Amino acid sequence: MTQIKNEIQYKVALERIEELLKVVSNETPVDDKNFVELDLISDLVADYEQIHYPIKPLSLIETIELRMSEMGLSRQKLSEILNLSKSTINGILSGKREPTLQTARKISQRLNIDAAVVLGV
């Protein structure tokens, strides 16, 4: 099989991956037939999902909210970390306000978010 062509093949491939995950571990040699099969089927599934179930990139707001969740930050704490007013934070997170270049730099550096994501490039 060189590609998954339909949803039935996709579901069968997912089931096979589940079966293989029960017998393949981090200690399984790379030349083990189950390891090789799992690797090949996983690539086929990834290719199919990329076409039929694409994942859109997160918006800046979603990225900031995710990072806030990961860091356990409230909006108040975020405003302190970025040295911005709570109303500025609320404006950015509601989409009513775009961050200035200086604010974008702070978001990137202090929240460890890639500058390209913050700048939307």
PDB file of N, CA and C in Angstrom:
ATOM      1  N   MET A   1       0.850  -1.169   0.000  1.00  0.00           N
ATOM      2  CA  MET A   1       0.000   0.000   0.000  1.00  0.00           C
ATOM      3  C   MET A   1       0.904   1.243   0.000  1.00  0.00           C
ATOM      4  N   THR A   2       0.643   2.150  -0.926  1.00  0.00           N
ATOM      5  CA  THR A   2       1.446   3.361  -1.012  1.00  0.00           C
ATOM      6  C   THR A   2       0.729   4.577  -0.454  1.00  0.00           C
ATOM      7  N   GLN A   3      -0.594   4.462  -0.337  1.00  0.00           N
ATOM      8  CA  GLN A   3      -1.351   5.542   0.276  1.00  0.00           C
ATOM      9  C   GLN A   3      -2.709   5.026   0.722  1.00  0.00           C
ATOM     10  N   ILE A   4      -3.289   5.726   1.671  1.00  0.00           N
ATOM     11  CA  ILE A   4      -4.643   5.404   2.112  1.00  0.00           C
ATOM     12  C   ILE A   4      -5.581   6.174   1.196  1.00  0.00           C
ATOM     13  N   LYS A   5      -6.529   5.452   0.603  1.00  0.00           N
ATOM     14  CA  LYS A   5      -7.364   6.053  -0.434  1.00  0.00           C
ATOM     15  C   LYS A   5      -8.754   6.449   0.031  1.00  0.00           C
ATOM     16  N   ASN A   6      -9.220   5.902   1.149  1.00  0.00           N
ATOM     17  CA  ASN A   6     -10.564   6.236   1.592  1.00  0.00           C
ATOM     18  C   ASN A   6     -10.683   6.072   3.107  1.00  0.00           C
ATOM     19  N   GLU A   7     -11.831   6.449   3.603  1.00  0.00           N
ATOM     20  CA  GLU A   7     -12.066   6.443   5.048  1.00  0.00           C
ATOM     21  C   GLU A   7     -12.041   5.030   5.641  1.00  0.00           C
ATOM     22  N   ILE A   8     -12.479   4.053   4.886  1.00  0.00           N
ATOM     23  CA  ILE A   8     -12.456   2.663   5.374  1.00  0.00           C
ATOM     24  C   ILE A   8     -11.015   2.214   5.587  1.00  0.00           C
ATOM     25  N   GLN A   9     -10.166   2.453   4.608  1.00  0.00           N
ATOM     26  CA  GLN A   9      -8.750   2.093   4.764  1.00  0.00           C
ATOM     27  C   GLN A   9      -8.115   2.869   5.920  1.00  0.00           C
ATOM     28  N   TYR A  10      -8.497   4.111   6.069  1.00  0.00           N
ATOM     29  CA  TYR A  10      -7.985   4.943   7.162  1.00  0.00           C
ATOM     30  C   TYR A  10      -8.345   4.336   8.520  1.00  0.00           C
ATOM     31  N   LYS A  11      -9.600   3.946   8.695  1.00  0.00           N
ATOM     32  CA  LYS A  11     -10.036   3.367   9.976  1.00  0.00           C
ATOM     33  C   LYS A  11      -9.358   2.029  10.246  1.00  0.00           C
ATOM     34  N   VAL A  12      -9.184   1.226   9.220  1.00  0.00           N
ATOM     35  CA  VAL A  12      -8.482  -0.058   9.370  1.00  0.00           C
ATOM     36  C   VAL A  12      -7.032   0.193   9.775  1.00  0.00           C
ATOM     37  N   ALA A  13      -6.405   1.198   9.159  1.00  0.00           N
ATOM     38  CA  ALA A  13      -5.017   1.532   9.497  1.00  0.00           C
ATOM     39  C   ALA A  13      -4.914   1.995  10.950  1.00  0.00           C
ATOM     40  N   LEU A  14      -5.869   2.794  11.412  1.00  0.00           N
ATOM     41  CA  LEU A  14      -5.867   3.238  12.814  1.00  0.00           C
ATOM     42  C   LEU A  14      -5.998   2.055  13.768  1.00  0.00           C
ATOM     43  N   GLU A  15      -6.863   1.111  13.421  1.00  0.00           N
ATOM     44  CA  GLU A  15      -7.025  -0.085  14.253  1.00  0.00           C
ATOM     45  C   GLU A  15      -5.727  -0.882  14.302  1.00  0.00           C
ATOM     46  N   ARG A  16      -5.064  -0.999  13.154  1.00  0.00           N
ATOM     47  CA  ARG A  16      -3.800  -1.744  13.112  1.00  0.00           C
ATOM     48  C   ARG A  16      -2.730  -1.043  13.945  1.00  0.00           C
ATOM     49  N   ILE A  17      -2.715   0.267  13.906  1.00  0.00           N
ATOM     50  CA  ILE A  17      -1.764   1.013  14.737  1.00  0.00           C
ATOM     51  C   ILE A  17      -2.010   0.712  16.210  1.00  0.00           C
ATOM     52  N   GLU A  18      -3.263   0.700  16.613  1.00  0.00           N
ATOM     53  CA  GLU A  18      -3.589   0.383  18.013  1.00  0.00           C
ATOM     54  C   GLU A  18      -3.077  -1.007  18.392  1.00  0.00           C
ATOM     55  N   GLU A  19      -3.250  -1.968  17.501  1.00  0.00           N
ATOM     56  CA  GLU A  19      -2.761  -3.326  17.760  1.00  0.00           C
ATOM     57  C   GLU A  19      -1.235  -3.347  17.886  1.00  0.00           C
ATOM     58  N   LEU A  20      -0.569  -2.657  16.988  1.00  0.00           N
ATOM     59  CA  LEU A  20       0.897  -2.647  16.976  1.00  0.00           C
ATOM     60  C   LEU A  20       1.477  -1.923  18.192  1.00  0.00           C
ATOM     61  N   LEU A  21       0.775  -0.913  18.659  1.00  0.00           N
ATOM     62  CA  LEU A  21       1.264  -0.177  19.830  1.00  0.00           C
ATOM     63  C   LEU A  21       1.307  -1.050  21.079  1.00  0.00           C
ATOM     64  N   LYS A  22       0.546  -2.120  21.069  1.00  0.00           N
ATOM     65  CA  LYS A  22       0.551  -3.043  22.215  1.00  0.00           C
ATOM     66  C   LYS A  22       1.792  -3.929  22.236  1.00  0.00           C
ATOM     67  N   VAL A  23       2.439  -4.081  21.067  1.00  0.00           N
ATOM     68  CA  VAL A  23       3.603  -4.978  20.996  1.00  0.00           C
ATOM     69  C   VAL A  23       4.916  -4.251  20.695  1.00  0.00           C
ATOM     70  N   VAL A  24       4.825  -2.978  20.346  1.00  0.00           N
ATOM     71  CA  VAL A  24       6.029  -2.201  20.042  1.00  0.00           C
ATOM     72  C   VAL A  24       6.255  -1.197  21.165  1.00  0.00           C
ATOM     73  N   SER A  25       7.498  -1.127  21.628  1.00  0.00           N
ATOM     74  CA  SER A  25       7.844  -0.176  22.684  1.00  0.00           C
ATOM     75  C   SER A  25       9.109   0.574  22.278  1.00  0.00           C
ATOM     76  N   ASN A  26       9.580   1.428  23.157  1.00  0.00           N
ATOM     77  CA  ASN A  26      10.819   2.170  22.888  1.00  0.00           C
ATOM     78  C   ASN A  26      12.020   1.241  22.796  1.00  0.00           C
ATOM     79  N   GLU A  27      11.904   0.062  23.376  1.00  0.00           N
ATOM     80  CA  GLU A  27      13.006  -0.901  23.353  1.00  0.00           C
ATOM     81  C   GLU A  27      12.969  -1.837  22.144  1.00  0.00           C
ATOM     82  N   THR A  28      11.930  -1.751  21.344  1.00  0.00           N
ATOM     83  CA  THR A  28      11.809  -2.621  20.172  1.00  0.00           C
ATOM     84  C   THR A  28      12.870  -2.238  19.138  1.00  0.00           C
ATOM     85  N   PRO A  29      13.621  -3.217  18.640  1.00  0.00           N
ATOM     86  CA  PRO A  29      14.639  -2.917  17.621  1.00  0.00           C
ATOM     87  C   PRO A  29      14.000  -2.357  16.351  1.00  0.00           C
ATOM     88  N   VAL A  30      14.712  -1.447  15.696  1.00  0.00           N
ATOM     89  CA  VAL A  30      14.166  -0.805  14.494  1.00  0.00           C
ATOM     90  C   VAL A  30      14.015  -1.773  13.323  1.00  0.00           C
ATOM     91  N   ASP A  31      14.653  -2.933  13.387  1.00  0.00           N
ATOM     92  CA  ASP A  31      14.500  -3.900  12.304  1.00  0.00           C
ATOM     93  C   ASP A  31      13.439  -4.960  12.618  1.00  0.00           C
ATOM     94  N   ASP A  32      12.740  -4.806  13.732  1.00  0.00           N
ATOM     95  CA  ASP A  32      11.641  -5.706  14.087  1.00  0.00           C
ATOM     96  C   ASP A  32      10.484  -5.473  13.110  1.00  0.00           C
ATOM     97  N   LYS A  33       9.856  -6.550  12.640  1.00  0.00           N
ATOM     98  CA  LYS A  33       8.805  -6.423  11.626  1.00  0.00           C
ATOM     99  C   LYS A  33       7.625  -5.588  12.126  1.00  0.00           C
ATOM    100  N   ASN A  34       7.284  -5.703  13.402  1.00  0.00           N
ATOM    101  CA  ASN A  34       6.182  -4.907  13.946  1.00  0.00           C
ATOM    102  C   ASN A  34       6.541  -3.421  13.997  1.00  0.00           C
ATOM    103  N   PHE A  35       7.774  -3.125  14.356  1.00  0.00           N
ATOM    104  CA  PHE A  35       8.244  -1.744  14.386  1.00  0.00           C
ATOM    105  C   PHE A  35       8.193  -1.137  12.985  1.00  0.00           C
ATOM    106  N   VAL A  36       8.686  -1.877  12.004  1.00  0.00           N
ATOM    107  CA  VAL A  36       8.703  -1.394  10.619  1.00  0.00           C
ATOM    108  C   VAL A  36       7.282  -1.161  10.130  1.00  0.00           C
ATOM    109  N   GLU A  37       6.397  -2.111  10.407  1.00  0.00           N
ATOM    110  CA  GLU A  37       5.004  -1.970   9.974  1.00  0.00           C
ATOM    111  C   GLU A  37       4.357  -0.751  10.636  1.00  0.00           C
ATOM    112  N   LEU A  38       4.577  -0.584  11.934  1.00  0.00           N
ATOM    113  CA  LEU A  38       4.017   0.559  12.644  1.00  0.00           C
ATOM    114  C   LEU A  38       4.526   1.869  12.049  1.00  0.00           C
ATOM    115  N   ASP A  39       5.798   1.929  11.763  1.00  0.00           N
ATOM    116  CA  ASP A  39       6.395   3.130  11.183  1.00  0.00           C
ATOM    117  C   ASP A  39       5.777   3.454   9.823  1.00  0.00           C
ATOM    118  N   LEU A  40       5.629   2.444   8.977  1.00  0.00           N
ATOM    119  CA  LEU A  40       5.066   2.649   7.642  1.00  0.00           C
ATOM    120  C   LEU A  40       3.597   3.072   7.700  1.00  0.00           C
ATOM    121  N   ILE A  41       2.811   2.363   8.496  1.00  0.00           N
ATOM    122  CA  ILE A  41       1.382   2.686   8.584  1.00  0.00           C
ATOM    123  C   ILE A  41       1.183   4.067   9.208  1.00  0.00           C
ATOM    124  N   SER A  42       1.997   4.399  10.187  1.00  0.00           N
ATOM    125  CA  SER A  42       1.892   5.724  10.812  1.00  0.00           C
ATOM    126  C   SER A  42       2.138   6.828   9.796  1.00  0.00           C
ATOM    127  N   ASP A  43       3.111   6.633   8.925  1.00  0.00           N
ATOM    128  CA  ASP A  43       3.380   7.623   7.880  1.00  0.00           C
ATOM    129  C   ASP A  43       2.202   7.744   6.921  1.00  0.00           C
ATOM    130  N   LEU A  44       1.607   6.610   6.550  1.00  0.00           N
ATOM    131  CA  LEU A  44       0.446   6.633   5.654  1.00  0.00           C
ATOM    132  C   LEU A  44      -0.727   7.371   6.294  1.00  0.00           C
ATOM    133  N   VAL A  45      -0.961   7.097   7.569  1.00  0.00           N
ATOM    134  CA  VAL A  45      -2.054   7.757   8.294  1.00  0.00           C
ATOM    135  C   VAL A  45      -1.777   9.262   8.388  1.00  0.00           C
ATOM    136  N   ALA A  46      -0.549   9.640   8.697  1.00  0.00           N
ATOM    137  CA  ALA A  46      -0.199  11.059   8.799  1.00  0.00           C
ATOM    138  C   ALA A  46      -0.435  11.773   7.466  1.00  0.00           C
ATOM    139  N   ASP A  47      -0.051  11.138   6.371  1.00  0.00           N
ATOM    140  CA  ASP A  47      -0.274  11.726   5.041  1.00  0.00           C
ATOM    141  C   ASP A  47      -1.772  11.907   4.767  1.00  0.00           C
ATOM    142  N   TYR A  48      -2.555  10.900   5.088  1.00  0.00           N
ATOM    143  CA  TYR A  48      -4.007  10.963   4.862  1.00  0.00           C
ATOM    144  C   TYR A  48      -4.624  12.071   5.719  1.00  0.00           C
ATOM    145  N   GLU A  49      -4.222  12.142   6.992  1.00  0.00           N
ATOM    146  CA  GLU A  49      -4.778  13.148   7.897  1.00  0.00           C
ATOM    147  C   GLU A  49      -4.407  14.560   7.472  1.00  0.00           C
ATOM    148  N   GLN A  50      -3.228  14.727   6.934  1.00  0.00           N
ATOM    149  CA  GLN A  50      -2.793  16.046   6.487  1.00  0.00           C
ATOM    150  C   GLN A  50      -3.703  16.580   5.378  1.00  0.00           C
ATOM    151  N   ILE A  51      -4.197  15.675   4.540  1.00  0.00           N
ATOM    152  CA  ILE A  51      -5.077  16.071   3.441  1.00  0.00           C
ATOM    153  C   ILE A  51      -6.523  16.194   3.901  1.00  0.00           C
ATOM    154  N   HIS A  52      -7.007  15.206   4.649  1.00  0.00           N
ATOM    155  CA  HIS A  52      -8.427  15.127   4.986  1.00  0.00           C
ATOM    156  C   HIS A  52      -8.798  15.730   6.336  1.00  0.00           C
ATOM    157  N   TYR A  53      -7.848  15.883   7.229  1.00  0.00           N
ATOM    158  CA  TYR A  53      -8.106  16.447   8.554  1.00  0.00           C
ATOM    159  C   TYR A  53      -7.017  17.468   8.907  1.00  0.00           C
ATOM    160  N   PRO A  54      -6.855  18.489   8.068  1.00  0.00           N
ATOM    161  CA  PRO A  54      -5.774  19.442   8.340  1.00  0.00           C
ATOM    162  C   PRO A  54      -6.034  20.198   9.641  1.00  0.00           C
ATOM    163  N   ILE A  55      -4.956  20.505  10.322  1.00  0.00           N
ATOM    164  CA  ILE A  55      -5.044  21.262  11.570  1.00  0.00           C
ATOM    165  C   ILE A  55      -4.578  22.679  11.271  1.00  0.00           C
ATOM    166  N   LYS A  56      -5.487  23.624  11.449  1.00  0.00           N
ATOM    167  CA  LYS A  56      -5.117  25.002  11.178  1.00  0.00           C
ATOM    168  C   LYS A  56      -4.262  25.525  12.325  1.00  0.00           C
ATOM    169  N   PRO A  57      -3.337  26.422  12.009  1.00  0.00           N
ATOM    170  CA  PRO A  57      -2.501  26.967  13.073  1.00  0.00           C
ATOM    171  C   PRO A  57      -3.345  27.786  14.046  1.00  0.00           C
ATOM    172  N   LEU A  58      -2.904  27.852  15.280  1.00  0.00           N
ATOM    173  CA  LEU A  58      -3.609  28.644  16.281  1.00  0.00           C
ATOM    174  C   LEU A  58      -3.445  30.127  15.986  1.00  0.00           C
ATOM    175  N   SER A  59      -4.455  30.899  16.319  1.00  0.00           N
ATOM    176  CA  SER A  59      -4.343  32.356  16.221  1.00  0.00           C
ATOM    177  C   SER A  59      -3.460  32.842  17.365  1.00  0.00           C
ATOM    178  N   LEU A  60      -3.068  34.100  17.316  1.00  0.00           N
ATOM    179  CA  LEU A  60      -2.261  34.659  18.395  1.00  0.00           C
ATOM    180  C   LEU A  60      -3.013  34.579  19.724  1.00  0.00           C
ATOM    181  N   ILE A  61      -4.290  34.900  19.689  1.00  0.00           N
ATOM    182  CA  ILE A  61      -5.093  34.851  20.920  1.00  0.00           C
ATOM    183  C   ILE A  61      -5.116  33.428  21.479  1.00  0.00           C
ATOM    184  N   GLU A  62      -5.370  32.443  20.616  1.00  0.00           N
ATOM    185  CA  GLU A  62      -5.389  31.041  21.064  1.00  0.00           C
ATOM    186  C   GLU A  62      -4.030  30.617  21.601  1.00  0.00           C
ATOM    187  N   THR A  63      -2.964  31.093  20.971  1.00  0.00           N
ATOM    188  CA  THR A  63      -1.614  30.745  21.405  1.00  0.00           C
ATOM    189  C   THR A  63      -1.324  31.345  22.781  1.00  0.00           C
ATOM    190  N   ILE A  64      -1.689  32.596  22.971  1.00  0.00           N
ATOM    191  CA  ILE A  64      -1.480  33.236  24.282  1.00  0.00           C
ATOM    192  C   ILE A  64      -2.299  32.529  25.352  1.00  0.00           C
ATOM    193  N   GLU A  65      -3.553  32.228  25.049  1.00  0.00           N
ATOM    194  CA  GLU A  65      -4.411  31.543  26.029  1.00  0.00           C
ATOM    195  C   GLU A  65      -3.877  30.152  26.365  1.00  0.00           C
ATOM    196  N   LEU A  66      -3.354  29.449  25.367  1.00  0.00           N
ATOM    197  CA  LEU A  66      -2.756  28.143  25.620  1.00  0.00           C
ATOM    198  C   LEU A  66      -1.542  28.283  26.535  1.00  0.00           C
ATOM    199  N   ARG A  67      -0.674  29.244  26.225  1.00  0.00           N
ATOM    200  CA  ARG A  67       0.515  29.465  27.049  1.00  0.00           C
ATOM    201  C   ARG A  67       0.122  29.872  28.468  1.00  0.00           C
ATOM    202  N   MET A  68      -0.919  30.706  28.594  1.00  0.00           N
ATOM    203  CA  MET A  68      -1.395  31.093  29.926  1.00  0.00           C
ATOM    204  C   MET A  68      -1.830  29.855  30.704  1.00  0.00           C
ATOM    205  N   SER A  69      -2.543  28.974  30.041  1.00  0.00           N
ATOM    206  CA  SER A  69      -2.991  27.733  30.679  1.00  0.00           C
ATOM    207  C   SER A  69      -1.799  26.883  31.096  1.00  0.00           C
ATOM    208  N   GLU A  70      -0.834  26.742  30.198  1.00  0.00           N
ATOM    209  CA  GLU A  70       0.353  25.936  30.499  1.00  0.00           C
ATOM    210  C   GLU A  70       1.140  26.501  31.679  1.00  0.00           C
ATOM    211  N   MET A  71       1.177  27.828  31.773  1.00  0.00           N
ATOM    212  CA  MET A  71       1.951  28.482  32.830  1.00  0.00           C
ATOM    213  C   MET A  71       1.115  28.771  34.072  1.00  0.00           C
ATOM    214  N   GLY A  72      -0.179  28.461  34.016  1.00  0.00           N
ATOM    215  CA  GLY A  72      -1.063  28.710  35.157  1.00  0.00           C
ATOM    216  C   GLY A  72      -1.249  30.197  35.435  1.00  0.00           C
ATOM    217  N   LEU A  73      -1.367  30.996  34.371  1.00  0.00           N
ATOM    218  CA  LEU A  73      -1.462  32.447  34.526  1.00  0.00           C
ATOM    219  C   LEU A  73      -2.900  32.938  34.400  1.00  0.00           C
ATOM    220  N   SER A  74      -3.255  33.859  35.254  1.00  0.00           N
ATOM    221  CA  SER A  74      -4.513  34.581  35.103  1.00  0.00           C
ATOM    222  C   SER A  74      -4.231  35.804  34.238  1.00  0.00           C
ATOM    223  N   ARG A  75      -5.276  36.498  33.831  1.00  0.00           N
ATOM    224  CA  ARG A  75      -5.067  37.730  33.061  1.00  0.00           C
ATOM    225  C   ARG A  75      -4.326  38.760  33.900  1.00  0.00           C
ATOM    226  N   GLN A  76      -4.622  38.781  35.180  1.00  0.00           N
ATOM    227  CA  GLN A  76      -3.932  39.716  36.083  1.00  0.00           C
ATOM    228  C   GLN A  76      -2.437  39.424  36.118  1.00  0.00           C
ATOM    229  N   LYS A  77      -2.081  38.161  36.286  1.00  0.00           N
ATOM    230  CA  LYS A  77      -0.667  37.785  36.342  1.00  0.00           C
ATOM    231  C   LYS A  77       0.000  38.056  34.982  1.00  0.00           C
ATOM    232  N   LEU A  78      -0.721  37.802  33.889  1.00  0.00           N
ATOM    233  CA  LEU A  78      -0.183  38.082  32.561  1.00  0.00           C
ATOM    234  C   LEU A  78       0.113  39.568  32.417  1.00  0.00           C
ATOM    235  N   SER A  79      -0.798  40.412  32.896  1.00  0.00           N
ATOM    236  CA  SER A  79      -0.565  41.852  32.798  1.00  0.00           C
ATOM    237  C   SER A  79       0.670  42.263  33.595  1.00  0.00           C
ATOM    238  N   GLU A  80       0.918  41.598  34.718  1.00  0.00           N
ATOM    239  CA  GLU A  80       2.110  41.884  35.520  1.00  0.00           C
ATOM    240  C   GLU A  80       3.378  41.428  34.795  1.00  0.00           C
ATOM    241  N   ILE A  81       3.335  40.223  34.220  1.00  0.00           N
ATOM    242  CA  ILE A  81       4.506  39.684  33.518  1.00  0.00           C
ATOM    243  C   ILE A  81       4.872  40.554  32.320  1.00  0.00           C
ATOM    244  N   LEU A  82       3.846  41.023  31.590  1.00  0.00           N
ATOM    245  CA  LEU A  82       4.098  41.820  30.396  1.00  0.00           C
ATOM    246  C   LEU A  82       4.196  43.318  30.689  1.00  0.00           C
ATOM    247  N   ASN A  83       3.915  43.682  31.949  1.00  0.00           N
ATOM    248  CA  ASN A  83       3.929  45.086  32.363  1.00  0.00           C
ATOM    249  C   ASN A  83       2.968  45.915  31.502  1.00  0.00           C
ATOM    250  N   LEU A  84       1.751  45.374  31.363  1.00  0.00           N
ATOM    251  CA  LEU A  84       0.699  46.034  30.607  1.00  0.00           C
ATOM    252  C   LEU A  84      -0.538  46.159  31.477  1.00  0.00           C
ATOM    253  N   SER A  85      -1.378  47.123  31.168  1.00  0.00           N
ATOM    254  CA  SER A  85      -2.609  47.277  31.938  1.00  0.00           C
ATOM    255  C   SER A  85      -3.542  46.099  31.657  1.00  0.00           C
ATOM    256  N   LYS A  86      -4.425  45.861  32.614  1.00  0.00           N
ATOM    257  CA  LYS A  86      -5.397  44.782  32.436  1.00  0.00           C
ATOM    258  C   LYS A  86      -6.304  45.059  31.237  1.00  0.00           C
ATOM    259  N   SER A  87      -6.627  46.331  30.996  1.00  0.00           N
ATOM    260  CA  SER A  87      -7.486  46.659  29.848  1.00  0.00           C
ATOM    261  C   SER A  87      -6.764  46.375  28.521  1.00  0.00           C
ATOM    262  N   THR A  88      -5.446  46.603  28.488  1.00  0.00           N
ATOM    263  CA  THR A  88      -4.684  46.277  27.276  1.00  0.00           C
ATOM    264  C   THR A  88      -4.698  44.774  27.039  1.00  0.00           C
ATOM    265  N   ILE A  89      -4.483  43.997  28.104  1.00  0.00           N
ATOM    266  CA  ILE A  89      -4.521  42.530  28.001  1.00  0.00           C
ATOM    267  C   ILE A  89      -5.895  42.081  27.520  1.00  0.00           C
ATOM    268  N   ASN A  90      -6.956  42.634  28.124  1.00  0.00           N
ATOM    269  CA  ASN A  90      -8.314  42.259  27.730  1.00  0.00           C
ATOM    270  C   ASN A  90      -8.582  42.619  26.266  1.00  0.00           C
ATOM    271  N   GLY A  91      -8.089  43.772  25.828  1.00  0.00           N
ATOM    272  CA  GLY A  91      -8.270  44.187  24.438  1.00  0.00           C
ATOM    273  C   GLY A  91      -7.585  43.245  23.466  1.00  0.00           C
ATOM    274  N   ILE A  92      -6.361  42.835  23.805  1.00  0.00           N
ATOM    275  CA  ILE A  92      -5.623  41.905  22.940  1.00  0.00           C
ATOM    276  C   ILE A  92      -6.315  40.551  22.905  1.00  0.00           C
ATOM    277  N   LEU A  93      -6.693  40.041  24.079  1.00  0.00           N
ATOM    278  CA  LEU A  93      -7.295  38.706  24.150  1.00  0.00           C
ATOM    279  C   LEU A  93      -8.721  38.655  23.596  1.00  0.00           C
ATOM    280  N   SER A  94      -9.381  39.802  23.515  1.00  0.00           N
ATOM    281  CA  SER A  94     -10.717  39.824  22.913  1.00  0.00           C
ATOM    282  C   SER A  94     -10.653  40.062  21.409  1.00  0.00           C
ATOM    283  N   GLY A  95      -9.458  40.405  20.910  1.00  0.00           N
ATOM    284  CA  GLY A  95      -9.299  40.669  19.486  1.00  0.00           C
ATOM    285  C   GLY A  95      -9.639  42.090  19.095  1.00  0.00           C
ATOM    286  N   LYS A  96      -9.913  42.939  20.065  1.00  0.00           N
ATOM    287  CA  LYS A  96     -10.272  44.329  19.781  1.00  0.00           C
ATOM    288  C   LYS A  96      -9.045  45.228  19.633  1.00  0.00           C
ATOM    289  N   ARG A  97      -7.899  44.685  20.019  1.00  0.00           N
ATOM    290  CA  ARG A  97      -6.681  45.489  19.999  1.00  0.00           C
ATOM    291  C   ARG A  97      -5.520  44.640  19.507  1.00  0.00           C
ATOM    292  N   GLU A  98      -4.727  45.201  18.617  1.00  0.00           N
ATOM    293  CA  GLU A  98      -3.516  44.531  18.134  1.00  0.00           C
ATOM    294  C   GLU A  98      -2.358  44.916  19.038  1.00  0.00           C
ATOM    295  N   PRO A  99      -1.482  43.975  19.340  1.00  0.00           N
ATOM    296  CA  PRO A  99      -0.321  44.350  20.156  1.00  0.00           C
ATOM    297  C   PRO A  99       0.630  45.245  19.356  1.00  0.00           C
ATOM    298  N   THR A 100       1.210  46.221  20.039  1.00  0.00           N
ATOM    299  CA  THR A 100       2.229  47.050  19.405  1.00  0.00           C
ATOM    300  C   THR A 100       3.467  46.193  19.187  1.00  0.00           C
ATOM    301  N   LEU A 101       4.415  46.684  18.439  1.00  0.00           N
ATOM    302  CA  LEU A 101       5.657  45.950  18.214  1.00  0.00           C
ATOM    303  C   LEU A 101       6.371  45.682  19.533  1.00  0.00           C
ATOM    304  N   GLN A 102       6.385  46.671  20.410  1.00  0.00           N
ATOM    305  CA  GLN A 102       7.020  46.506  21.720  1.00  0.00           C
ATOM    306  C   GLN A 102       6.300  45.430  22.538  1.00  0.00           C
ATOM    307  N   THR A 103       4.976  45.450  22.517  1.00  0.00           N
ATOM    308  CA  THR A 103       4.189  44.450  23.234  1.00  0.00           C
ATOM    309  C   THR A 103       4.401  43.067  22.627  1.00  0.00           C
ATOM    310  N   ALA A 104       4.442  43.008  21.299  1.00  0.00           N
ATOM    311  CA  ALA A 104       4.681  41.732  20.618  1.00  0.00           C
ATOM    312  C   ALA A 104       6.019  41.153  21.045  1.00  0.00           C
ATOM    313  N   ARG A 105       7.027  41.988  21.167  1.00  0.00           N
ATOM    314  CA  ARG A 105       8.347  41.533  21.603  1.00  0.00           C
ATOM    315  C   ARG A 105       8.271  40.961  23.024  1.00  0.00           C
ATOM    316  N   LYS A 106       7.554  41.642  23.905  1.00  0.00           N
ATOM    317  CA  LYS A 106       7.394  41.148  25.286  1.00  0.00           C
ATOM    318  C   LYS A 106       6.670  39.800  25.296  1.00  0.00           C
ATOM    319  N   ILE A 107       5.604  39.701  24.508  1.00  0.00           N
ATOM    320  CA  ILE A 107       4.847  38.443  24.443  1.00  0.00           C
ATOM    321  C   ILE A 107       5.760  37.316  23.982  1.00  0.00           C
ATOM    322  N   SER A 108       6.529  37.573  22.950  1.00  0.00           N
ATOM    323  CA  SER A 108       7.432  36.556  22.416  1.00  0.00           C
ATOM    324  C   SER A 108       8.474  36.139  23.446  1.00  0.00           C
ATOM    325  N   GLN A 109       9.107  37.108  24.067  1.00  0.00           N
ATOM    326  CA  GLN A 109      10.207  36.813  24.993  1.00  0.00           C
ATOM    327  C   GLN A 109       9.725  36.247  26.325  1.00  0.00           C
ATOM    328  N   ARG A 110       8.721  36.857  26.905  1.00  0.00           N
ATOM    329  CA  ARG A 110       8.313  36.468  28.262  1.00  0.00           C
ATOM    330  C   ARG A 110       7.394  35.262  28.308  1.00  0.00           C
ATOM    331  N   LEU A 111       6.708  34.991  27.197  1.00  0.00           N
ATOM    332  CA  LEU A 111       5.844  33.808  27.150  1.00  0.00           C
ATOM    333  C   LEU A 111       6.456  32.701  26.296  1.00  0.00           C
ATOM    334  N   ASN A 112       7.635  32.974  25.752  1.00  0.00           N
ATOM    335  CA  ASN A 112       8.352  32.010  24.918  1.00  0.00           C
ATOM    336  C   ASN A 112       7.475  31.528  23.748  1.00  0.00           C
ATOM    337  N   ILE A 113       6.935  32.516  23.029  1.00  0.00           N
ATOM    338  CA  ILE A 113       6.144  32.243  21.830  1.00  0.00           C
ATOM    339  C   ILE A 113       6.949  32.745  20.646  1.00  0.00           C
ATOM    340  N   ASP A 114       7.080  31.920  19.625  1.00  0.00           N
ATOM    341  CA  ASP A 114       7.857  32.272  18.447  1.00  0.00           C
ATOM    342  C   ASP A 114       7.421  33.622  17.892  1.00  0.00           C
ATOM    343  N   ALA A 115       8.387  34.465  17.577  1.00  0.00           N
ATOM    344  CA  ALA A 115       8.094  35.813  17.070  1.00  0.00           C
ATOM    345  C   ALA A 115       7.245  35.768  15.805  1.00  0.00           C
ATOM    346  N   ALA A 116       7.455  34.776  14.950  1.00  0.00           N
ATOM    347  CA  ALA A 116       6.664  34.660  13.730  1.00  0.00           C
ATOM    348  C   ALA A 116       5.181  34.463  14.043  1.00  0.00           C
ATOM    349  N   VAL A 117       4.888  33.738  15.107  1.00  0.00           N
ATOM    350  CA  VAL A 117       3.481  33.545  15.513  1.00  0.00           C
ATOM    351  C   VAL A 117       2.918  34.857  16.031  1.00  0.00           C
ATOM    352  N   VAL A 118       3.677  35.543  16.848  1.00  0.00           N
ATOM    353  CA  VAL A 118       3.208  36.801  17.437  1.00  0.00           C
ATOM    354  C   VAL A 118       2.985  37.846  16.349  1.00  0.00           C
ATOM    355  N   LEU A 119       3.867  37.885  15.363  1.00  0.00           N
ATOM    356  CA  LEU A 119       3.755  38.881  14.302  1.00  0.00           C
ATOM    357  C   LEU A 119       2.834  38.441  13.164  1.00  0.00           C
ATOM    358  N   GLY A 120       2.405  37.185  13.198  1.00  0.00           N
ATOM    359  CA  GLY A 120       1.466  36.702  12.192  1.00  0.00           C
ATOM    360  C   GLY A 120       2.088  36.458  10.827  1.00  0.00           C
ATOM    361  N   VAL A 121       3.355  36.076  10.831  1.00  0.00           N
ATOM    362  CA  VAL A 121       4.021  35.804   9.540  1.00  0.00           C
ATOM    363  C   VAL A 121       4.239  34.324   9.347  1.00  0.00           C
TER     364      VAL A 121
END
